[in-house]
Amino acid sequence: MRTIRTAARLLAAGALAAAGTLALAAPAQAAPCGWQGDGTQDYNHCGSTNVMLTVEHVFGADDHFCARPGMNNINAGNSPYNTWRTVFAYYDNGPTGCLYGWYR
């Protein structure tokens, strides 16, 4: 009986050790905050509220885009521009709590 308990404890300890090893696996690399600069026109907003971004274009004046938390594709949805025109976007302490989308 004692041998069975010892074997059961060893099995349980081994299972816990294996589960712990799986839990300690390296997490996926998160995208850095801000403009991604990788040709995707993406901006990763790491805050918890919507914020107003300044968006720079190849031609013409800057525009503003309200980004929500997480990854935002600047030229998706209601974009008034072709993807290639946007060259950079940044948060410059503008208003927060805005409604997602473009502002002119």
C-alpha atoms as a PDB file:
ATOM      1  CA  MET A   1       0.000   0.000   0.000  1.00  0.00           C
ATOM      2  CA  ARG A   2       2.838   2.349   0.902  1.00  0.00           C
ATOM      3  CA  THR A   3       4.466   1.701  -2.490  1.00  0.00           C
ATOM      4  CA  ILE A   4       1.265   2.612  -4.314  1.00  0.00           C
ATOM      5  CA  ARG A   5       0.958   5.932  -2.407  1.00  0.00           C
ATOM      6  CA  THR A   6       4.588   6.772  -3.084  1.00  0.00           C
ATOM      7  CA  ALA A   7       4.163   5.982  -6.785  1.00  0.00           C
ATOM      8  CA  ALA A   8       0.991   8.085  -6.936  1.00  0.00           C
ATOM      9  CA  ARG A   9       2.772  11.037  -5.273  1.00  0.00           C
ATOM     10  CA  LEU A  10       5.684  10.742  -7.692  1.00  0.00           C
ATOM     11  CA  LEU A  11       3.280  10.694 -10.625  1.00  0.00           C
ATOM     12  CA  ALA A  12       1.424  13.742  -9.284  1.00  0.00           C
ATOM     13  CA  ALA A  13       4.686  15.609  -8.680  1.00  0.00           C
ATOM     14  CA  GLY A  14       5.859  14.774 -12.190  1.00  0.00           C
ATOM     15  CA  ALA A  15       2.590  15.981 -13.682  1.00  0.00           C
ATOM     16  CA  LEU A  16       2.785  19.248 -11.728  1.00  0.00           C
ATOM     17  CA  ALA A  17       6.382  19.767 -12.785  1.00  0.00           C
ATOM     18  CA  ALA A  18       5.463  19.203 -16.431  1.00  0.00           C
ATOM     19  CA  ALA A  19       2.517  21.586 -16.164  1.00  0.00           C
ATOM     20  CA  GLY A  20       4.751  24.187 -14.533  1.00  0.00           C
ATOM     21  CA  THR A  21       7.236  23.859 -17.362  1.00  0.00           C
ATOM     22  CA  LEU A  22       4.503  24.472 -19.910  1.00  0.00           C
ATOM     23  CA  ALA A  23       3.230  27.492 -18.000  1.00  0.00           C
ATOM     24  CA  LEU A  24       6.718  28.999 -17.957  1.00  0.00           C
ATOM     25  CA  ALA A  25       7.060  28.937 -21.727  1.00  0.00           C
ATOM     26  CA  ALA A  26       8.016  32.327 -23.154  1.00  0.00           C
ATOM     27  CA  PRO A  27       4.994  34.475 -24.070  1.00  0.00           C
ATOM     28  CA  ALA A  28       4.581  35.671 -27.635  1.00  0.00           C
ATOM     29  CA  GLN A  29       6.411  38.916 -28.377  1.00  0.00           C
ATOM     30  CA  ALA A  30       3.950  41.798 -28.017  1.00  0.00           C
ATOM     31  CA  ALA A  31       4.040  44.592 -30.568  1.00  0.00           C
ATOM     32  CA  PRO A  32       5.748  47.748 -29.291  1.00  0.00           C
ATOM     33  CA  CYS A  33       3.578  50.727 -28.415  1.00  0.00           C
ATOM     34  CA  GLY A  34       3.123  53.447 -31.028  1.00  0.00           C
ATOM     35  CA  TRP A  35       3.671  53.597 -34.784  1.00  0.00           C
ATOM     36  CA  GLN A  36       4.763  50.213 -36.096  1.00  0.00           C
ATOM     37  CA  GLY A  37       6.820  51.527 -39.019  1.00  0.00           C
ATOM     38  CA  ASP A  38       6.697  48.186 -40.803  1.00  0.00           C
ATOM     39  CA  GLY A  39       4.606  49.190 -43.804  1.00  0.00           C
ATOM     40  CA  THR A  40       1.319  48.079 -42.225  1.00  0.00           C
ATOM     41  CA  GLN A  41       0.060  51.558 -41.262  1.00  0.00           C
ATOM     42  CA  ASP A  42      -0.603  50.179 -37.772  1.00  0.00           C
ATOM     43  CA  TYR A  43      -0.471  52.082 -34.487  1.00  0.00           C
ATOM     44  CA  ASN A  44      -0.479  50.113 -31.229  1.00  0.00           C
ATOM     45  CA  HIS A  45      -2.092  52.194 -28.483  1.00  0.00           C
ATOM     46  CA  CYS A  46      -1.035  50.714 -25.141  1.00  0.00           C
ATOM     47  CA  GLY A  47      -3.268  52.947 -22.976  1.00  0.00           C
ATOM     48  CA  SER A  48      -6.716  52.177 -21.625  1.00  0.00           C
ATOM     49  CA  THR A  49      -8.727  55.018 -23.227  1.00  0.00           C
ATOM     50  CA  ASN A  50      -9.157  56.352 -26.761  1.00  0.00           C
ATOM     51  CA  VAL A  51      -6.616  59.055 -27.701  1.00  0.00           C
ATOM     52  CA  MET A  52      -6.243  61.552 -30.542  1.00  0.00           C
ATOM     53  CA  LEU A  53      -3.231  60.906 -32.779  1.00  0.00           C
ATOM     54  CA  THR A  54      -1.543  63.291 -35.172  1.00  0.00           C
ATOM     55  CA  VAL A  55      -1.159  61.568 -38.552  1.00  0.00           C
ATOM     56  CA  GLU A  56       1.473  62.769 -41.022  1.00  0.00           C
ATOM     57  CA  HIS A  57       0.991  62.320 -44.761  1.00  0.00           C
ATOM     58  CA  VAL A  58       3.337  62.467 -47.737  1.00  0.00           C
ATOM     59  CA  PHE A  59       1.404  65.425 -49.173  1.00  0.00           C
ATOM     60  CA  GLY A  60      -0.678  68.031 -47.404  1.00  0.00           C
ATOM     61  CA  ALA A  61      -1.310  68.955 -43.811  1.00  0.00           C
ATOM     62  CA  ASP A  62      -1.436  66.586 -40.859  1.00  0.00           C
ATOM     63  CA  ASP A  63      -4.752  65.053 -39.848  1.00  0.00           C
ATOM     64  CA  HIS A  64      -6.033  63.524 -36.636  1.00  0.00           C
ATOM     65  CA  PHE A  65      -7.182  60.000 -35.908  1.00  0.00           C
ATOM     66  CA  CYS A  66      -8.794  58.783 -32.687  1.00  0.00           C
ATOM     67  CA  ALA A  67      -7.212  55.443 -31.765  1.00  0.00           C
ATOM     68  CA  ARG A  68      -8.728  52.929 -29.380  1.00  0.00           C
ATOM     69  CA  PRO A  69      -6.659  50.700 -27.059  1.00  0.00           C
ATOM     70  CA  GLY A  70      -4.786  47.965 -28.902  1.00  0.00           C
ATOM     71  CA  MET A  71      -3.721  47.736 -32.530  1.00  0.00           C
ATOM     72  CA  ASN A  72      -5.281  50.291 -34.892  1.00  0.00           C
ATOM     73  CA  ASN A  73      -4.916  50.246 -38.660  1.00  0.00           C
ATOM     74  CA  ILE A  74      -4.772  53.955 -39.451  1.00  0.00           C
ATOM     75  CA  ASN A  75      -5.986  53.501 -43.029  1.00  0.00           C
ATOM     76  CA  ALA A  76      -8.770  51.006 -42.390  1.00  0.00           C
ATOM     77  CA  GLY A  77     -12.471  51.652 -42.388  1.00  0.00           C
ATOM     78  CA  ASN A  78     -13.393  55.280 -42.992  1.00  0.00           C
ATOM     79  CA  SER A  79      -9.926  56.427 -44.098  1.00  0.00           C
ATOM     80  CA  PRO A  80      -9.982  59.364 -46.510  1.00  0.00           C
ATOM     81  CA  TYR A  81      -6.523  58.364 -47.773  1.00  0.00           C
ATOM     82  CA  ASN A  82      -4.770  55.673 -49.724  1.00  0.00           C
ATOM     83  CA  THR A  83      -2.532  53.544 -47.518  1.00  0.00           C
ATOM     84  CA  TRP A  84       0.728  54.781 -49.026  1.00  0.00           C
ATOM     85  CA  ARG A  85       0.058  58.429 -48.063  1.00  0.00           C
ATOM     86  CA  THR A  86       0.379  57.947 -44.285  1.00  0.00           C
ATOM     87  CA  VAL A  87       4.018  58.068 -43.213  1.00  0.00           C
ATOM     88  CA  PHE A  88       3.818  58.408 -39.416  1.00  0.00           C
ATOM     89  CA  ALA A  89       1.378  58.744 -36.516  1.00  0.00           C
ATOM     90  CA  TYR A  90       2.005  59.779 -32.935  1.00  0.00           C
ATOM     91  CA  TYR A  91       0.256  60.749 -29.721  1.00  0.00           C
ATOM     92  CA  ASP A  92       1.063  64.320 -28.723  1.00  0.00           C
ATOM     93  CA  ASN A  93      -0.885  64.630 -25.442  1.00  0.00           C
ATOM     94  CA  GLY A  94      -4.064  65.387 -27.366  1.00  0.00           C
ATOM     95  CA  PRO A  95      -7.580  64.806 -26.058  1.00  0.00           C
ATOM     96  CA  THR A  96      -8.614  61.438 -24.683  1.00  0.00           C
ATOM     97  CA  GLY A  97     -12.002  59.748 -24.741  1.00  0.00           C
ATOM     98  CA  CYS A  98     -12.647  60.688 -28.390  1.00  0.00           C
ATOM     99  CA  LEU A  99     -14.730  58.540 -30.745  1.00  0.00           C
ATOM    100  CA  TYR A 100     -12.767  56.123 -32.957  1.00  0.00           C
ATOM    101  CA  GLY A 101     -12.070  57.389 -36.452  1.00  0.00           C
ATOM    102  CA  TRP A 102     -10.831  60.333 -38.485  1.00  0.00           C
ATOM    103  CA  TYR A 103     -11.125  63.989 -37.473  1.00  0.00           C
ATOM    104  CA  ARG A 104     -10.515  66.851 -39.886  1.00  0.00           C
END
